[in-house]
């Protein structure tokens, strides 16, 4: 799943394959009713030069004030996490900004500044609605290239018992596999080549979105 964001100062979408690119973003661009305790997660198509993180990625409110949220880097998934100190305000708009100062180890600098926006949920009455919890069940079969791997998210839960919607993605490498149905509670993953792969699952109860659950798989050809 490729998120294409608007480049600052132009109306064209930026879709980059041969350069450093943002391939997944949570919350997604334009998302609403986001939980106030949400962390922002940005996944790229290349390992990042960690020395370029500071000053290249930040979170700001609707009037342009930068929030105290130092970026942390998850090297295994090429993901940057922004966890705002004290959380987010209710019923508020925020923008995530990424500049060309961010550099990948193989692909070099980001070719254009990127901006994405989202809004938090307003105050809830009656105790509020708690966020659901995504959970990927460990598969009972090995991961082999060319063989469908059954994955399940049916153990995901919602504290209020609401029906859930599901969103699967291949986190890293983002083009390493495909799902038979990325919006189903149970799906089949097809991996084309051997190697390590990380998949993710997010569930939504119609009002709030879960944090993403991850599963790392080692996919190899079976022994002869």
Protein backbone atom coordinates (compact mmCIF):
# COMPACT_ATOMS: atom_id res chain seq x y z
CA UNK A 1 0.00 0.00 0.00
CA UNK A 2 1.59 3.28 -1.14
CA UNK A 3 0.59 6.58 0.41
CA UNK A 4 1.05 9.50 -1.99
CA UNK A 5 1.14 12.87 -0.27
CA UNK A 6 0.98 16.37 -1.68
CA UNK A 7 4.36 18.03 -2.08
CA UNK A 8 4.56 21.40 -0.36
CA UNK A 9 3.85 24.19 -2.78
CA UNK A 10 2.44 22.12 -5.64
CA UNK A 11 -0.64 20.15 -6.58
CA UNK A 12 1.08 17.09 -7.98
CA UNK A 13 1.31 13.81 -6.13
CA UNK A 14 4.79 12.60 -5.34
CA UNK A 15 5.25 8.92 -6.16
CA UNK A 16 8.89 7.91 -6.02
CA UNK A 17 10.30 4.48 -6.73
CA UNK A 18 14.01 5.13 -7.33
CA UNK A 19 14.46 7.63 -4.50
CA UNK A 20 13.74 7.76 -0.79
CA UNK A 21 9.94 7.59 -0.38
CA UNK A 22 7.36 7.48 2.36
CA UNK A 23 5.48 4.23 1.78
CA UNK A 24 3.21 4.05 4.84
CA UNK A 25 1.85 6.56 7.31
CA UNK A 26 -0.30 6.21 10.42
CA UNK A 27 -2.57 8.09 10.99
CA UNK A 28 -3.25 8.20 7.26
CA UNK A 29 -3.49 11.48 5.36
CA UNK A 30 -6.83 13.17 6.09
CA UNK A 31 -7.78 10.76 8.88
CA UNK A 32 -10.35 11.96 11.43
CA UNK A 33 -11.44 10.89 14.92
CA UNK A 34 -7.90 9.83 15.82
CA UNK A 35 -7.23 8.92 19.44
CA UNK A 36 -5.47 11.52 21.58
CA UNK A 37 -2.84 8.98 22.66
CA UNK A 38 -1.88 8.10 19.08
CA UNK A 39 1.73 8.05 17.97
CA UNK A 40 2.62 9.03 14.42
CA UNK A 41 4.43 6.31 12.43
CA UNK A 42 6.20 6.91 9.11
CA UNK A 43 7.70 3.99 7.18
CA UNK A 44 10.15 4.50 4.32
CA UNK A 45 11.47 2.36 1.47
CA UNK A 46 15.09 2.59 2.64
CA UNK A 47 17.08 2.44 5.85
CA UNK A 48 17.54 6.00 7.14
CA UNK A 49 20.61 7.96 8.11
CA UNK A 50 19.66 8.52 11.76
CA UNK A 51 21.80 11.64 11.99
CA UNK A 52 19.35 13.39 9.60
CA UNK A 53 16.19 12.74 11.66
CA UNK A 54 16.38 15.78 13.94
CA UNK A 55 14.94 18.83 12.18
CA UNK A 56 13.70 16.79 9.20
CA UNK A 57 10.51 15.28 10.68
CA UNK A 58 8.17 16.99 13.10
CA UNK A 59 4.55 17.34 14.20
CA UNK A 60 2.80 20.69 14.46
CA UNK A 61 -0.65 21.95 15.47
CA UNK A 62 -3.13 23.94 13.38
CA UNK A 63 -1.34 27.26 13.99
CA UNK A 64 2.10 25.89 13.14
CA UNK A 65 3.45 25.36 16.64
CA UNK A 66 5.88 22.44 16.70
CA UNK A 67 4.94 19.84 19.31
CA UNK A 68 7.61 18.36 21.61
CA UNK A 69 7.89 14.92 20.04
CA UNK A 70 11.44 13.78 19.33
CA UNK A 71 11.58 11.20 16.51
CA UNK A 72 12.68 7.68 17.37
CA UNK A 73 13.83 5.24 14.72
CA UNK A 74 12.89 1.56 14.42
CA UNK A 75 15.69 0.26 12.24
CA UNK A 76 14.14 -3.17 11.64
CA UNK A 77 11.11 -1.69 9.85
CA UNK A 78 12.64 1.60 8.58
CA UNK A 79 10.00 3.41 10.62
CA UNK A 80 10.15 6.76 12.42
CA UNK A 81 7.84 7.24 15.42
CA UNK A 82 6.70 10.61 16.77
CA UNK A 83 5.24 10.24 20.27
CA UNK A 84 4.00 13.67 21.44
CA UNK A 85 4.83 14.53 25.04
CA UNK A 86 1.55 14.60 26.94
CA UNK A 87 -0.47 13.32 23.99
CA UNK A 88 -2.65 15.26 21.56
CA UNK A 89 -5.49 17.68 22.27
CA UNK A 90 -9.07 16.59 21.57
CA UNK A 91 -10.94 17.82 18.48
CA UNK A 92 -7.75 19.33 17.00
CA UNK A 93 -5.94 19.30 13.67
CA UNK A 94 -2.29 18.36 13.25
CA UNK A 95 0.23 18.23 10.44
CA UNK A 96 3.19 15.90 9.98
CA UNK A 97 6.03 17.46 8.02
CA UNK A 98 9.02 15.75 6.40
CA UNK A 99 11.73 17.75 4.63
CA UNK A 100 14.38 16.98 2.04
CA UNK A 101 16.93 16.97 4.85
CA UNK A 102 15.94 13.36 5.56
CA UNK A 103 18.37 10.94 3.92
CA UNK A 104 18.29 7.22 3.14
CA UNK A 105 21.44 5.13 3.26
CA UNK A 106 20.96 3.82 -0.28
CA UNK A 107 18.53 6.18 -2.02
CA UNK A 108 19.80 9.52 -0.74
CA UNK A 109 17.70 12.53 0.22
CA UNK A 110 13.92 12.79 0.04
CA UNK A 111 13.20 14.50 -3.32
CA UNK A 112 10.45 16.84 -2.04
CA UNK A 113 9.02 18.12 1.23
CA UNK A 114 5.93 16.18 2.35
CA UNK A 115 2.98 17.24 4.47
CA UNK A 116 0.15 15.11 5.87
CA UNK A 117 -2.72 16.14 8.13
CA UNK A 118 -5.12 14.42 10.53
CA UNK A 119 -7.61 15.37 13.24
CA UNK A 120 -8.27 13.98 16.72
CA UNK A 121 -11.60 12.87 18.13
CA UNK A 122 -13.62 15.25 20.31
CA UNK A 123 -14.38 14.70 23.99
CA UNK A 124 -16.48 11.59 24.52
CA UNK A 125 -19.30 11.28 27.01
CA UNK A 126 -20.22 8.37 29.22
CA UNK A 127 -16.65 7.26 29.83
CA UNK A 128 -15.60 7.43 26.19
CA UNK A 129 -14.75 4.83 23.61
CA UNK A 130 -11.53 2.90 24.12
CA UNK A 131 -9.36 2.08 21.14
CA UNK A 132 -9.50 -1.49 19.78
CA UNK A 133 -6.49 -3.80 19.95
CA UNK A 134 -5.04 -5.41 16.82
CA UNK A 135 -3.53 -8.87 17.19
CA UNK A 136 -2.01 -11.07 14.49
CA UNK A 137 -2.14 -14.76 15.37
CA UNK A 138 1.13 -16.61 14.85
CA UNK A 139 0.62 -18.77 11.73
CA UNK A 140 0.78 -22.55 12.12
CA UNK A 141 2.62 -23.10 8.84
CA UNK A 142 6.06 -21.98 7.61
CA UNK A 143 6.43 -19.05 5.25
CA UNK A 144 7.62 -20.26 1.84
CA UNK A 145 7.91 -18.27 -1.40
CA UNK A 146 5.12 -19.08 -3.81
CA UNK A 147 2.99 -20.80 -1.13
CA UNK A 148 -0.02 -18.96 0.32
CA UNK A 149 0.42 -18.26 4.04
CA UNK A 150 -2.82 -18.01 6.03
CA UNK A 151 -2.84 -15.04 8.43
CA UNK A 152 -5.54 -14.21 10.96
CA UNK A 153 -6.50 -11.11 12.90
CA UNK A 154 -9.68 -12.57 14.41
CA UNK A 155 -8.16 -12.39 17.90
CA UNK A 156 -8.23 -8.59 17.65
CA UNK A 157 -10.63 -7.10 20.18
CA UNK A 158 -12.68 -4.01 20.93
CA UNK A 159 -13.33 -3.09 24.60
CA UNK A 160 -16.94 -2.13 23.80
CA UNK A 161 -17.52 -5.18 21.61
CA UNK A 162 -17.95 -3.17 18.41
CA UNK A 163 -17.52 -4.77 14.99
CA UNK A 164 -14.05 -4.20 13.57
CA UNK A 165 -12.72 -3.38 10.14
CA UNK A 166 -9.26 -4.65 9.19
CA UNK A 167 -6.33 -3.22 7.26
CA UNK A 168 -3.30 -5.40 6.44
CA UNK A 169 -0.06 -4.20 4.87
CA UNK A 170 3.45 -5.39 4.11
CA UNK A 171 5.65 -3.09 6.15
CA UNK A 172 9.12 -4.08 5.06
CA UNK A 173 10.11 -4.56 2.31
CA UNK A 174 6.85 -2.92 1.14
CA UNK A 175 6.77 -4.78 -2.20
CA UNK A 176 7.79 -8.20 -0.83
CA UNK A 177 4.30 -9.71 -0.76
CA UNK A 178 0.60 -9.30 -1.50
CA UNK A 179 -2.60 -10.15 0.37
CA UNK A 180 -5.59 -11.98 -1.09
CA UNK A 181 -7.81 -9.48 0.78
CA UNK A 182 -6.14 -6.70 2.76
CA UNK A 183 -9.45 -5.71 4.38
CA UNK A 184 -10.47 -9.14 5.72
CA UNK A 185 -10.07 -10.54 9.23
CA UNK A 186 -8.39 -13.60 7.70
CA UNK A 187 -6.25 -13.35 4.59
CA UNK A 188 -3.60 -15.18 2.58
CA UNK A 189 -0.13 -13.71 2.10
CA UNK A 190 1.82 -14.48 -1.05
CA UNK A 191 5.58 -13.93 -0.93
CA UNK A 192 7.53 -13.99 -4.19
CA UNK A 193 11.12 -14.38 -3.00
CA UNK A 194 12.94 -15.72 0.08
CA UNK A 195 13.94 -13.34 2.87
CA UNK A 196 12.71 -11.54 5.98
CA UNK A 197 9.33 -9.79 5.77
CA UNK A 198 7.34 -7.73 8.27
CA UNK A 199 3.54 -7.44 8.00
CA UNK A 200 1.24 -5.16 9.96
CA UNK A 201 -2.42 -5.07 10.96
CA UNK A 202 -4.57 -2.12 12.09
CA UNK A 203 -8.20 -2.50 13.20
CA UNK A 204 -10.88 0.18 13.47
CA UNK A 205 -14.14 0.17 15.44
CA UNK A 206 -15.71 2.95 13.38
CA UNK A 207 -14.64 5.66 15.82
CA UNK A 208 -11.09 4.82 16.84
CA UNK A 209 -8.15 3.08 15.26
CA UNK A 210 -5.83 0.62 16.99
CA UNK A 211 -2.08 0.77 17.16
CA UNK A 212 -0.48 -1.41 14.51
CA UNK A 213 0.45 -4.99 15.39
CA UNK A 214 3.49 -6.45 13.62
CA UNK A 215 4.56 -9.96 12.66
CA UNK A 216 8.06 -10.71 11.39
CA UNK A 217 8.36 -13.72 9.10
CA UNK A 218 11.37 -15.62 7.78
CA UNK A 219 10.39 -16.91 4.34
CA UNK A 220 12.70 -19.52 2.85
CA UNK A 221 12.58 -22.30 0.29
CA UNK A 222 11.95 -25.69 1.95
CA UNK A 223 14.91 -28.05 2.32
CA UNK A 224 15.11 -30.51 -0.57
